[in-house]
Amino acid sequence: MASQERALRADAARNYERIVGAAIVAFEEVGPEVTLEEIAGRAAVSVATVYRRFRTREQVVRAVLDHVLTTEIEPMAAAHTDDPWRDLVGLLETAIEALAGHRVLLAVARESPKFDLESMHRCVHSMQLLLRRAIEAGVVRPELEVRDLAAVIVMTLATVHPGDPHGADRKRYLALLLDGLRASSETLPPPSSHDLPGSPHQQ
């Protein structure tokens, strides 16, 4: 019985990975209107299998975005060198490039009224250690908060558009925003007492 249960769990895990992998490609190739039936076909599983694992399209979107965050972005948060500034910038660049590469997925996630950004919020908070190291090294403004890094990512992603396939605009404006993170004799105005839009704490 135990071996059968392990086999079932392993099979379910393989199906999950196939579905998520197929969905990542399908969103970018087909567009935001891609159906669960299309994803099932690409994953070589039955539609019933997809619906059994993901009850709604929004759950598929969340699983795919979570996969991108945990595999392409969060590992960079553990990358430490002797250059705290470069570590922090490298993480921001990685996050922006990864999300810009999944433009359709990001647009679908933003438009879904049922979608929350818990995964994104967790990813941003994984930047806390790198931010603290940069502050302690005196290479960034001491008043910076993790939400400031989230805002840098969001503002840079707002410059992503189909007419700029090589990312010239996002590189230009990220450079401008990064310059604003550096240590300065001028203190930033305080933030509001409310969470930024997209926080999972908002109702």
N, C-alpha and C. Protein backbone atom coordinates (compact mmCIF):
# COMPACT_ATOMS: atom_id res chain seq x y z
N MET A 1 0.83 -1.21 0.00
CA MET A 1 0.00 0.00 0.00
C MET A 1 0.87 1.26 0.00
N ALA A 2 1.92 1.27 0.84
CA ALA A 2 2.79 2.44 0.93
C ALA A 2 3.47 2.71 -0.40
N SER A 3 3.93 1.63 -1.07
CA SER A 3 4.60 1.81 -2.35
C SER A 3 3.64 2.33 -3.41
N GLN A 4 2.38 1.90 -3.35
CA GLN A 4 1.37 2.39 -4.30
C GLN A 4 1.11 3.88 -4.08
N GLU A 5 1.04 4.28 -2.81
CA GLU A 5 0.81 5.69 -2.49
C GLU A 5 1.97 6.55 -2.98
N ARG A 6 3.21 6.04 -2.80
CA ARG A 6 4.37 6.79 -3.27
C ARG A 6 4.35 6.92 -4.78
N ALA A 7 3.95 5.84 -5.45
CA ALA A 7 3.87 5.88 -6.91
C ALA A 7 2.82 6.88 -7.38
N LEU A 8 1.68 6.91 -6.68
CA LEU A 8 0.63 7.87 -7.03
C LEU A 8 1.11 9.30 -6.82
N ARG A 9 1.81 9.54 -5.71
CA ARG A 9 2.33 10.89 -5.44
C ARG A 9 3.36 11.29 -6.50
N ALA A 10 4.22 10.33 -6.87
CA ALA A 10 5.23 10.62 -7.89
C ALA A 10 4.57 10.93 -9.23
N ASP A 11 3.53 10.17 -9.57
CA ASP A 11 2.81 10.39 -10.82
C ASP A 11 2.13 11.75 -10.81
N ALA A 12 1.54 12.10 -9.67
CA ALA A 12 0.87 13.40 -9.55
C ALA A 12 1.88 14.53 -9.68
N ALA A 13 3.06 14.35 -9.09
CA ALA A 13 4.10 15.38 -9.17
C ALA A 13 4.58 15.56 -10.60
N ARG A 14 4.74 14.44 -11.32
CA ARG A 14 5.15 14.54 -12.73
C ARG A 14 4.09 15.25 -13.57
N ASN A 15 2.82 14.92 -13.32
CA ASN A 15 1.75 15.59 -14.05
C ASN A 15 1.73 17.09 -13.76
N TYR A 16 1.94 17.43 -12.50
CA TYR A 16 1.97 18.84 -12.10
C TYR A 16 3.06 19.58 -12.86
N GLU A 17 4.27 19.01 -12.89
CA GLU A 17 5.38 19.65 -13.58
C GLU A 17 5.12 19.76 -15.08
N ARG A 18 4.51 18.73 -15.67
CA ARG A 18 4.21 18.77 -17.10
C ARG A 18 3.19 19.86 -17.41
N ILE A 19 2.18 19.95 -16.56
CA ILE A 19 1.13 20.95 -16.78
C ILE A 19 1.71 22.36 -16.66
N VAL A 20 2.47 22.59 -15.60
CA VAL A 20 3.05 23.93 -15.40
C VAL A 20 4.01 24.27 -16.54
N GLY A 21 4.85 23.32 -16.92
CA GLY A 21 5.78 23.57 -18.01
C GLY A 21 5.06 23.87 -19.32
N ALA A 22 4.00 23.13 -19.59
CA ALA A 22 3.23 23.37 -20.81
C ALA A 22 2.53 24.73 -20.76
N ALA A 23 2.04 25.10 -19.59
CA ALA A 23 1.33 26.37 -19.45
C ALA A 23 2.27 27.55 -19.66
N ILE A 24 3.51 27.44 -19.17
CA ILE A 24 4.48 28.53 -19.35
C ILE A 24 4.65 28.83 -20.83
N VAL A 25 4.84 27.79 -21.63
CA VAL A 25 5.03 27.96 -23.07
C VAL A 25 3.73 28.41 -23.75
N ALA A 26 2.62 27.81 -23.34
CA ALA A 26 1.35 28.11 -23.98
C ALA A 26 0.94 29.57 -23.82
N PHE A 27 1.13 30.12 -22.66
CA PHE A 27 0.74 31.52 -22.44
C PHE A 27 1.50 32.44 -23.38
N GLU A 28 2.80 32.20 -23.54
CA GLU A 28 3.60 33.08 -24.38
C GLU A 28 3.35 32.84 -25.87
N GLU A 29 3.06 31.60 -26.27
CA GLU A 29 2.86 31.30 -27.69
C GLU A 29 1.44 31.55 -28.16
N VAL A 30 0.47 31.22 -27.33
CA VAL A 30 -0.94 31.36 -27.73
C VAL A 30 -1.50 32.71 -27.31
N GLY A 31 -1.11 33.16 -26.13
CA GLY A 31 -1.61 34.43 -25.62
C GLY A 31 -2.50 34.25 -24.41
N PRO A 32 -3.04 35.32 -23.89
CA PRO A 32 -3.82 35.27 -22.65
C PRO A 32 -5.10 34.46 -22.75
N GLU A 33 -5.55 34.19 -23.98
CA GLU A 33 -6.80 33.45 -24.14
C GLU A 33 -6.60 31.95 -24.13
N VAL A 34 -5.39 31.46 -23.90
CA VAL A 34 -5.14 30.03 -23.92
C VAL A 34 -6.06 29.31 -22.93
N THR A 35 -6.58 28.16 -23.35
CA THR A 35 -7.53 27.41 -22.53
C THR A 35 -6.85 26.29 -21.77
N LEU A 36 -7.53 25.77 -20.76
CA LEU A 36 -7.00 24.62 -20.02
C LEU A 36 -6.94 23.40 -20.92
N GLU A 37 -7.84 23.32 -21.90
CA GLU A 37 -7.81 22.21 -22.85
C GLU A 37 -6.52 22.25 -23.69
N GLU A 38 -6.14 23.44 -24.11
CA GLU A 38 -4.90 23.60 -24.87
C GLU A 38 -3.69 23.21 -24.02
N ILE A 39 -3.70 23.64 -22.76
CA ILE A 39 -2.60 23.31 -21.86
C ILE A 39 -2.53 21.80 -21.63
N ALA A 40 -3.68 21.17 -21.47
CA ALA A 40 -3.72 19.72 -21.27
C ALA A 40 -3.12 19.00 -22.46
N GLY A 41 -3.47 19.43 -23.66
CA GLY A 41 -2.95 18.80 -24.86
C GLY A 41 -1.44 18.92 -24.95
N ARG A 42 -0.93 20.10 -24.63
CA ARG A 42 0.52 20.32 -24.68
C ARG A 42 1.25 19.51 -23.61
N ALA A 43 0.57 19.30 -22.48
CA ALA A 43 1.19 18.54 -21.39
C ALA A 43 1.03 17.04 -21.56
N ALA A 44 0.27 16.64 -22.57
CA ALA A 44 -0.01 15.22 -22.83
C ALA A 44 -0.70 14.56 -21.65
N VAL A 45 -1.65 15.28 -21.05
CA VAL A 45 -2.48 14.72 -19.98
C VAL A 45 -3.93 15.01 -20.34
N SER A 46 -4.84 14.34 -19.67
CA SER A 46 -6.26 14.57 -19.94
C SER A 46 -6.70 15.90 -19.34
N VAL A 47 -7.77 16.43 -19.91
CA VAL A 47 -8.34 17.66 -19.36
C VAL A 47 -8.78 17.42 -17.93
N ALA A 48 -9.30 16.22 -17.64
CA ALA A 48 -9.73 15.90 -16.28
C ALA A 48 -8.58 15.98 -15.30
N THR A 49 -7.39 15.59 -15.74
CA THR A 49 -6.21 15.67 -14.88
C THR A 49 -5.89 17.12 -14.54
N VAL A 50 -5.99 17.99 -15.53
CA VAL A 50 -5.72 19.41 -15.29
C VAL A 50 -6.74 19.98 -14.30
N TYR A 51 -8.01 19.67 -14.51
CA TYR A 51 -9.06 20.20 -13.63
C TYR A 51 -8.98 19.58 -12.24
N ARG A 52 -8.48 18.36 -12.15
CA ARG A 52 -8.33 17.73 -10.84
C ARG A 52 -7.24 18.43 -10.03
N ARG A 53 -6.20 18.89 -10.70
CA ARG A 53 -5.09 19.54 -10.00
C ARG A 53 -5.32 21.04 -9.87
N PHE A 54 -5.94 21.64 -10.88
CA PHE A 54 -6.18 23.09 -10.88
C PHE A 54 -7.66 23.31 -11.19
N ARG A 55 -8.40 23.74 -10.20
CA ARG A 55 -9.85 23.86 -10.37
C ARG A 55 -10.23 25.03 -11.28
N THR A 56 -9.36 26.04 -11.35
CA THR A 56 -9.68 27.21 -12.17
C THR A 56 -8.45 27.64 -12.96
N ARG A 57 -8.69 28.44 -13.95
CA ARG A 57 -7.59 28.99 -14.75
C ARG A 57 -6.68 29.86 -13.90
N GLU A 58 -7.27 30.58 -12.93
CA GLU A 58 -6.47 31.44 -12.06
C GLU A 58 -5.45 30.62 -11.26
N GLN A 59 -5.81 29.41 -10.89
CA GLN A 59 -4.88 28.57 -10.14
C GLN A 59 -3.71 28.15 -11.01
N VAL A 60 -3.96 27.93 -12.29
CA VAL A 60 -2.87 27.61 -13.21
C VAL A 60 -1.93 28.80 -13.33
N VAL A 61 -2.50 30.00 -13.48
CA VAL A 61 -1.70 31.21 -13.60
C VAL A 61 -0.82 31.38 -12.37
N ARG A 62 -1.42 31.18 -11.21
CA ARG A 62 -0.65 31.35 -9.98
C ARG A 62 0.48 30.31 -9.88
N ALA A 63 0.20 29.08 -10.25
CA ALA A 63 1.22 28.03 -10.19
C ALA A 63 2.37 28.34 -11.14
N VAL A 64 2.04 28.84 -12.32
CA VAL A 64 3.08 29.16 -13.30
C VAL A 64 3.93 30.33 -12.81
N LEU A 65 3.30 31.38 -12.31
CA LEU A 65 4.05 32.52 -11.82
C LEU A 65 4.91 32.12 -10.62
N ASP A 66 4.36 31.29 -9.75
CA ASP A 66 5.12 30.81 -8.60
C ASP A 66 6.35 30.03 -9.07
N HIS A 67 6.18 29.24 -10.11
CA HIS A 67 7.30 28.46 -10.65
C HIS A 67 8.40 29.40 -11.16
N VAL A 68 8.01 30.44 -11.88
CA VAL A 68 8.99 31.40 -12.40
C VAL A 68 9.74 32.07 -11.26
N LEU A 69 9.00 32.49 -10.24
CA LEU A 69 9.62 33.18 -9.11
C LEU A 69 10.58 32.27 -8.35
N THR A 70 10.15 31.05 -8.08
CA THR A 70 10.96 30.17 -7.23
C THR A 70 12.15 29.56 -7.97
N THR A 71 12.05 29.42 -9.29
CA THR A 71 13.15 28.79 -10.03
C THR A 71 14.08 29.80 -10.70
N GLU A 72 13.55 30.96 -11.08
CA GLU A 72 14.36 31.91 -11.83
C GLU A 72 14.83 33.11 -11.01
N ILE A 73 14.12 33.42 -9.93
CA ILE A 73 14.44 34.65 -9.19
C ILE A 73 14.94 34.38 -7.77
N GLU A 74 14.18 33.63 -6.99
CA GLU A 74 14.54 33.44 -5.58
C GLU A 74 15.94 32.86 -5.36
N PRO A 75 16.44 31.95 -6.21
CA PRO A 75 17.80 31.44 -5.98
C PRO A 75 18.85 32.55 -5.97
N MET A 76 18.61 33.63 -6.70
CA MET A 76 19.57 34.74 -6.72
C MET A 76 19.66 35.44 -5.38
N ALA A 77 18.61 35.32 -4.56
CA ALA A 77 18.63 35.96 -3.24
C ALA A 77 19.67 35.34 -2.32
N ALA A 78 20.08 34.12 -2.63
CA ALA A 78 21.08 33.44 -1.82
C ALA A 78 22.50 33.65 -2.34
N ALA A 79 22.62 34.39 -3.44
CA ALA A 79 23.93 34.61 -4.04
C ALA A 79 24.64 35.78 -3.36
N HIS A 80 25.69 35.49 -2.61
CA HIS A 80 26.42 36.52 -1.88
C HIS A 80 27.87 36.57 -2.37
N THR A 81 28.34 37.77 -2.68
CA THR A 81 29.76 37.97 -3.01
C THR A 81 30.29 39.00 -2.03
N ASP A 82 31.46 39.53 -2.31
CA ASP A 82 32.00 40.58 -1.44
C ASP A 82 31.56 41.97 -1.91
N ASP A 83 30.57 42.00 -2.81
CA ASP A 83 30.07 43.27 -3.34
C ASP A 83 28.56 43.36 -3.10
N PRO A 84 28.13 43.88 -1.95
CA PRO A 84 26.69 43.94 -1.63
C PRO A 84 25.87 44.71 -2.65
N TRP A 85 26.43 45.77 -3.23
CA TRP A 85 25.69 46.53 -4.23
C TRP A 85 25.43 45.67 -5.47
N ARG A 86 26.47 45.00 -5.95
CA ARG A 86 26.32 44.16 -7.14
C ARG A 86 25.35 43.02 -6.89
N ASP A 87 25.38 42.45 -5.68
CA ASP A 87 24.45 41.38 -5.34
C ASP A 87 23.00 41.86 -5.43
N LEU A 88 22.74 43.04 -4.86
CA LEU A 88 21.37 43.58 -4.86
C LEU A 88 20.93 43.93 -6.27
N VAL A 89 21.78 44.59 -7.01
CA VAL A 89 21.45 44.96 -8.39
C VAL A 89 21.24 43.71 -9.24
N GLY A 90 22.09 42.71 -9.04
CA GLY A 90 21.95 41.47 -9.80
C GLY A 90 20.61 40.80 -9.57
N LEU A 91 20.14 40.83 -8.33
CA LEU A 91 18.85 40.24 -8.02
C LEU A 91 17.71 41.02 -8.68
N LEU A 92 17.77 42.34 -8.63
CA LEU A 92 16.74 43.16 -9.26
C LEU A 92 16.73 42.95 -10.78
N GLU A 93 17.91 42.91 -11.37
CA GLU A 93 18.01 42.68 -12.82
C GLU A 93 17.44 41.31 -13.20
N THR A 94 17.77 40.31 -12.40
CA THR A 94 17.28 38.96 -12.67
C THR A 94 15.76 38.92 -12.57
N ALA A 95 15.21 39.53 -11.54
CA ALA A 95 13.76 39.54 -11.35
C ALA A 95 13.06 40.21 -12.52
N ILE A 96 13.58 41.35 -12.94
CA ILE A 96 12.95 42.10 -14.02
C ILE A 96 13.05 41.35 -15.35
N GLU A 97 14.23 40.79 -15.64
CA GLU A 97 14.40 40.06 -16.90
C GLU A 97 13.53 38.82 -16.94
N ALA A 98 13.44 38.11 -15.81
CA ALA A 98 12.62 36.90 -15.77
C ALA A 98 11.15 37.23 -15.99
N LEU A 99 10.66 38.25 -15.32
CA LEU A 99 9.25 38.61 -15.45
C LEU A 99 8.96 39.24 -16.82
N ALA A 100 9.91 40.01 -17.34
CA ALA A 100 9.72 40.60 -18.67
C ALA A 100 9.66 39.51 -19.73
N GLY A 101 10.34 38.40 -19.49
CA GLY A 101 10.32 37.29 -20.42
C GLY A 101 9.02 36.52 -20.42
N HIS A 102 8.16 36.79 -19.45
CA HIS A 102 6.85 36.15 -19.36
C HIS A 102 5.78 37.23 -19.35
N ARG A 103 5.85 38.09 -20.36
CA ARG A 103 4.99 39.28 -20.41
C ARG A 103 3.51 38.93 -20.42
N VAL A 104 3.13 37.92 -21.20
CA VAL A 104 1.71 37.54 -21.28
C VAL A 104 1.23 37.02 -19.93
N LEU A 105 2.03 36.16 -19.32
CA LEU A 105 1.67 35.60 -18.02
C LEU A 105 1.48 36.70 -16.98
N LEU A 106 2.40 37.65 -16.97
CA LEU A 106 2.30 38.75 -16.00
C LEU A 106 1.05 39.57 -16.24
N ALA A 107 0.71 39.81 -17.50
CA ALA A 107 -0.49 40.58 -17.82
C ALA A 107 -1.74 39.84 -17.38
N VAL A 108 -1.76 38.53 -17.60
CA VAL A 108 -2.92 37.72 -17.18
C VAL A 108 -3.06 37.74 -15.67
N ALA A 109 -1.95 37.62 -14.96
CA ALA A 109 -1.99 37.63 -13.50
C ALA A 109 -2.52 38.95 -12.97
N ARG A 110 -2.10 40.05 -13.58
CA ARG A 110 -2.53 41.37 -13.13
C ARG A 110 -4.03 41.59 -13.35
N GLU A 111 -4.54 41.02 -14.44
CA GLU A 111 -5.94 41.26 -14.81
C GLU A 111 -6.92 40.36 -14.07
N SER A 112 -6.43 39.31 -13.44
CA SER A 112 -7.34 38.38 -12.78
C SER A 112 -7.84 38.96 -11.46
N PRO A 113 -9.16 39.14 -11.31
CA PRO A 113 -9.69 39.73 -10.08
C PRO A 113 -9.53 38.82 -8.87
N LYS A 114 -9.32 37.51 -9.10
CA LYS A 114 -9.20 36.57 -7.99
C LYS A 114 -7.76 36.28 -7.62
N PHE A 115 -6.84 36.88 -8.38
CA PHE A 115 -5.44 36.54 -8.18
C PHE A 115 -4.83 37.40 -7.09
N ASP A 116 -4.12 36.77 -6.13
CA ASP A 116 -3.39 37.55 -5.14
C ASP A 116 -1.90 37.38 -5.40
N LEU A 117 -1.11 38.29 -4.87
CA LEU A 117 0.32 38.30 -5.15
C LEU A 117 1.13 37.76 -3.98
N GLU A 118 0.64 36.72 -3.32
CA GLU A 118 1.37 36.14 -2.20
C GLU A 118 2.74 35.65 -2.62
N SER A 119 2.83 34.99 -3.76
CA SER A 119 4.11 34.48 -4.24
C SER A 119 5.07 35.63 -4.54
N MET A 120 4.57 36.67 -5.22
CA MET A 120 5.40 37.83 -5.51
C MET A 120 5.88 38.50 -4.23
N HIS A 121 4.98 38.60 -3.26
CA HIS A 121 5.32 39.23 -1.99
C HIS A 121 6.42 38.43 -1.29
N ARG A 122 6.31 37.09 -1.32
CA ARG A 122 7.32 36.25 -0.69
C ARG A 122 8.66 36.42 -1.39
N CYS A 123 8.62 36.51 -2.69
CA CYS A 123 9.85 36.68 -3.46
C CYS A 123 10.53 37.99 -3.11
N VAL A 124 9.74 39.07 -3.04
CA VAL A 124 10.32 40.37 -2.70
C VAL A 124 10.93 40.33 -1.31
N HIS A 125 10.28 39.65 -0.38
CA HIS A 125 10.82 39.60 0.98
C HIS A 125 12.09 38.76 1.06
N SER A 126 12.32 37.91 0.06
CA SER A 126 13.57 37.16 0.04
C SER A 126 14.75 38.10 -0.25
N MET A 127 14.45 39.32 -0.68
CA MET A 127 15.49 40.32 -0.94
C MET A 127 15.95 41.03 0.32
N GLN A 128 15.28 40.75 1.44
CA GLN A 128 15.55 41.48 2.67
C GLN A 128 17.01 41.38 3.10
N LEU A 129 17.58 40.18 3.02
CA LEU A 129 18.96 39.99 3.47
C LEU A 129 19.93 40.79 2.61
N LEU A 130 19.74 40.75 1.29
CA LEU A 130 20.63 41.50 0.42
C LEU A 130 20.49 43.00 0.64
N LEU A 131 19.28 43.45 0.90
CA LEU A 131 19.08 44.87 1.17
C LEU A 131 19.79 45.26 2.47
N ARG A 132 19.65 44.42 3.50
CA ARG A 132 20.29 44.74 4.78
C ARG A 132 21.82 44.79 4.63
N ARG A 133 22.39 43.87 3.86
CA ARG A 133 23.83 43.87 3.65
C ARG A 133 24.26 45.15 2.93
N ALA A 134 23.47 45.57 1.94
CA ALA A 134 23.82 46.78 1.20
C ALA A 134 23.74 48.02 2.09
N ILE A 135 22.74 48.05 2.98
CA ILE A 135 22.61 49.17 3.91
C ILE A 135 23.80 49.19 4.87
N GLU A 136 24.14 48.04 5.42
CA GLU A 136 25.26 47.96 6.36
C GLU A 136 26.59 48.33 5.71
N ALA A 137 26.70 48.07 4.41
CA ALA A 137 27.93 48.42 3.69
C ALA A 137 27.96 49.90 3.29
N GLY A 138 26.83 50.59 3.49
CA GLY A 138 26.77 52.01 3.18
C GLY A 138 26.67 52.33 1.70
N VAL A 139 26.23 51.36 0.90
CA VAL A 139 26.19 51.59 -0.55
C VAL A 139 24.79 51.97 -1.04
N VAL A 140 23.79 51.89 -0.17
CA VAL A 140 22.44 52.33 -0.52
C VAL A 140 21.90 53.22 0.58
N ARG A 141 20.80 53.87 0.30
CA ARG A 141 20.17 54.74 1.29
C ARG A 141 19.79 53.92 2.53
N PRO A 142 20.09 54.38 3.72
CA PRO A 142 19.78 53.61 4.92
C PRO A 142 18.29 53.51 5.22
N GLU A 143 17.48 54.39 4.63
CA GLU A 143 16.04 54.38 4.91
C GLU A 143 15.27 53.46 3.96
N LEU A 144 15.97 52.77 3.06
CA LEU A 144 15.28 51.90 2.11
C LEU A 144 14.56 50.75 2.81
N GLU A 145 13.41 50.37 2.24
CA GLU A 145 12.64 49.22 2.72
C GLU A 145 12.44 48.25 1.56
N VAL A 146 12.06 47.02 1.88
CA VAL A 146 11.83 46.02 0.84
C VAL A 146 10.77 46.50 -0.14
N ARG A 147 9.77 47.21 0.32
CA ARG A 147 8.72 47.69 -0.57
C ARG A 147 9.28 48.63 -1.63
N ASP A 148 10.40 49.30 -1.34
CA ASP A 148 11.04 50.16 -2.33
C ASP A 148 11.59 49.32 -3.48
N LEU A 149 12.12 48.15 -3.16
CA LEU A 149 12.63 47.26 -4.20
C LEU A 149 11.47 46.74 -5.06
N ALA A 150 10.36 46.44 -4.39
CA ALA A 150 9.17 45.99 -5.13
C ALA A 150 8.72 47.08 -6.11
N ALA A 151 8.76 48.35 -5.65
CA ALA A 151 8.34 49.45 -6.51
C ALA A 151 9.29 49.61 -7.70
N VAL A 152 10.58 49.39 -7.49
CA VAL A 152 11.55 49.46 -8.58
C VAL A 152 11.21 48.42 -9.65
N ILE A 153 10.89 47.20 -9.19
CA ILE A 153 10.54 46.14 -10.13
C ILE A 153 9.28 46.49 -10.91
N VAL A 154 8.25 46.94 -10.19
CA VAL A 154 6.97 47.26 -10.84
C VAL A 154 7.13 48.42 -11.82
N MET A 155 7.84 49.47 -11.43
CA MET A 155 8.00 50.62 -12.31
C MET A 155 8.81 50.27 -13.55
N THR A 156 9.84 49.45 -13.38
CA THR A 156 10.63 49.05 -14.54
C THR A 156 9.81 48.19 -15.49
N LEU A 157 9.03 47.26 -14.94
CA LEU A 157 8.20 46.39 -15.78
C LEU A 157 7.15 47.19 -16.55
N ALA A 158 6.79 48.36 -16.03
CA ALA A 158 5.81 49.20 -16.74
C ALA A 158 6.37 49.72 -18.06
N THR A 159 7.70 49.65 -18.24
CA THR A 159 8.31 50.13 -19.48
C THR A 159 8.48 49.02 -20.51
N VAL A 160 8.10 47.80 -20.16
CA VAL A 160 8.22 46.67 -21.09
C VAL A 160 7.11 46.75 -22.13
N HIS A 161 7.48 46.67 -23.40
CA HIS A 161 6.47 46.73 -24.46
C HIS A 161 6.97 45.97 -25.68
N PRO A 162 6.05 45.49 -26.55
CA PRO A 162 6.42 44.66 -27.70
C PRO A 162 7.36 45.35 -28.68
N GLY A 163 7.33 46.68 -28.74
CA GLY A 163 8.19 47.40 -29.68
C GLY A 163 9.64 47.50 -29.24
N ASP A 164 9.96 46.90 -28.10
CA ASP A 164 11.32 46.98 -27.57
C ASP A 164 11.81 45.56 -27.24
N PRO A 165 12.00 44.73 -28.27
CA PRO A 165 12.32 43.32 -28.03
C PRO A 165 13.64 43.09 -27.31
N HIS A 166 14.55 44.05 -27.38
CA HIS A 166 15.86 43.88 -26.74
C HIS A 166 15.94 44.53 -25.36
N GLY A 167 14.84 45.12 -24.92
CA GLY A 167 14.77 45.65 -23.56
C GLY A 167 15.56 46.92 -23.33
N ALA A 168 15.75 47.74 -24.36
CA ALA A 168 16.51 48.98 -24.19
C ALA A 168 15.85 49.90 -23.16
N ASP A 169 14.52 50.01 -23.23
CA ASP A 169 13.82 50.92 -22.31
C ASP A 169 13.92 50.44 -20.86
N ARG A 170 13.68 49.15 -20.62
CA ARG A 170 13.72 48.69 -19.23
C ARG A 170 15.14 48.80 -18.66
N LYS A 171 16.16 48.63 -19.49
CA LYS A 171 17.54 48.78 -19.01
C LYS A 171 17.83 50.24 -18.68
N ARG A 172 17.35 51.14 -19.53
CA ARG A 172 17.57 52.56 -19.31
C ARG A 172 16.91 53.02 -18.01
N TYR A 173 15.63 52.66 -17.84
CA TYR A 173 14.90 53.18 -16.69
C TYR A 173 15.25 52.44 -15.40
N LEU A 174 15.69 51.19 -15.51
CA LEU A 174 16.20 50.53 -14.32
C LEU A 174 17.46 51.22 -13.84
N ALA A 175 18.32 51.63 -14.78
CA ALA A 175 19.55 52.34 -14.40
C ALA A 175 19.21 53.64 -13.67
N LEU A 176 18.19 54.34 -14.14
CA LEU A 176 17.77 55.57 -13.47
C LEU A 176 17.26 55.28 -12.05
N LEU A 177 16.46 54.24 -11.92
CA LEU A 177 15.90 53.89 -10.62
C LEU A 177 16.99 53.40 -9.66
N LEU A 178 17.93 52.62 -10.19
CA LEU A 178 19.01 52.12 -9.34
C LEU A 178 19.85 53.28 -8.80
N ASP A 179 20.03 54.30 -9.61
CA ASP A 179 20.79 55.47 -9.16
C ASP A 179 20.11 56.10 -7.94
N GLY A 180 18.79 56.03 -7.89
CA GLY A 180 18.06 56.58 -6.76
C GLY A 180 18.18 55.76 -5.49
N LEU A 181 18.64 54.51 -5.61
CA LEU A 181 18.83 53.67 -4.42
C LEU A 181 20.15 53.95 -3.71
N ARG A 182 21.11 54.52 -4.43
CA ARG A 182 22.45 54.71 -3.86
C ARG A 182 22.42 55.69 -2.68
N ALA A 183 23.41 55.52 -1.81
CA ALA A 183 23.52 56.37 -0.62
C ALA A 183 23.54 57.83 -1.03
N SER A 184 22.82 58.65 -0.27
CA SER A 184 22.71 60.07 -0.59
C SER A 184 22.56 60.87 0.69
N SER A 185 22.98 62.13 0.62
CA SER A 185 22.81 63.02 1.78
C SER A 185 21.36 63.48 1.91
N GLU A 186 20.59 63.29 0.83
CA GLU A 186 19.17 63.64 0.84
C GLU A 186 18.36 62.44 1.32
N THR A 187 17.47 62.66 2.29
CA THR A 187 16.65 61.58 2.82
C THR A 187 15.34 61.50 2.06
N LEU A 188 14.92 60.29 1.75
CA LEU A 188 13.65 60.10 1.05
C LEU A 188 12.47 60.51 1.93
N PRO A 189 11.39 61.00 1.32
CA PRO A 189 10.16 61.23 2.09
C PRO A 189 9.67 59.89 2.65
N PRO A 190 9.00 59.90 3.79
CA PRO A 190 8.52 58.63 4.36
C PRO A 190 7.40 58.04 3.52
N PRO A 191 7.27 56.70 3.53
CA PRO A 191 6.19 56.05 2.78
C PRO A 191 4.87 56.22 3.52
N SER A 192 3.77 55.85 2.86
CA SER A 192 2.48 55.88 3.52
C SER A 192 2.42 54.75 4.55
N SER A 193 1.39 54.79 5.37
CA SER A 193 1.23 53.75 6.39
C SER A 193 0.49 52.54 5.85
N HIS A 194 0.14 52.57 4.55
CA HIS A 194 -0.63 51.49 3.95
C HIS A 194 0.26 50.63 3.07
N ASP A 195 -0.16 49.38 2.88
CA ASP A 195 0.56 48.49 1.99
C ASP A 195 0.46 49.00 0.56
N LEU A 196 1.49 48.70 -0.22
CA LEU A 196 1.44 49.03 -1.63
C LEU A 196 0.38 48.19 -2.32
N PRO A 197 -0.19 48.66 -3.43
CA PRO A 197 -1.15 47.84 -4.18
C PRO A 197 -0.54 46.49 -4.54
N GLY A 198 -1.35 45.44 -4.37
CA GLY A 198 -0.85 44.10 -4.66
C GLY A 198 -0.37 43.35 -3.45
N SER A 199 -0.31 44.05 -2.29
CA SER A 199 0.12 43.35 -1.08
C SER A 199 -0.91 42.30 -0.70
N PRO A 200 -0.47 41.10 -0.28
CA PRO A 200 -1.42 40.07 0.12
C PRO A 200 -2.16 40.40 1.39
N HIS A 201 -1.71 41.46 2.08
CA HIS A 201 -2.40 41.83 3.32
C HIS A 201 -3.64 42.67 3.06
N GLN A 202 -3.73 43.21 1.82
CA GLN A 202 -4.89 44.01 1.50
C GLN A 202 -6.10 43.11 1.28
N GLN A 203 -7.25 43.57 1.62
CA GLN A 203 -8.48 42.83 1.42
C GLN A 203 -9.08 43.18 0.08
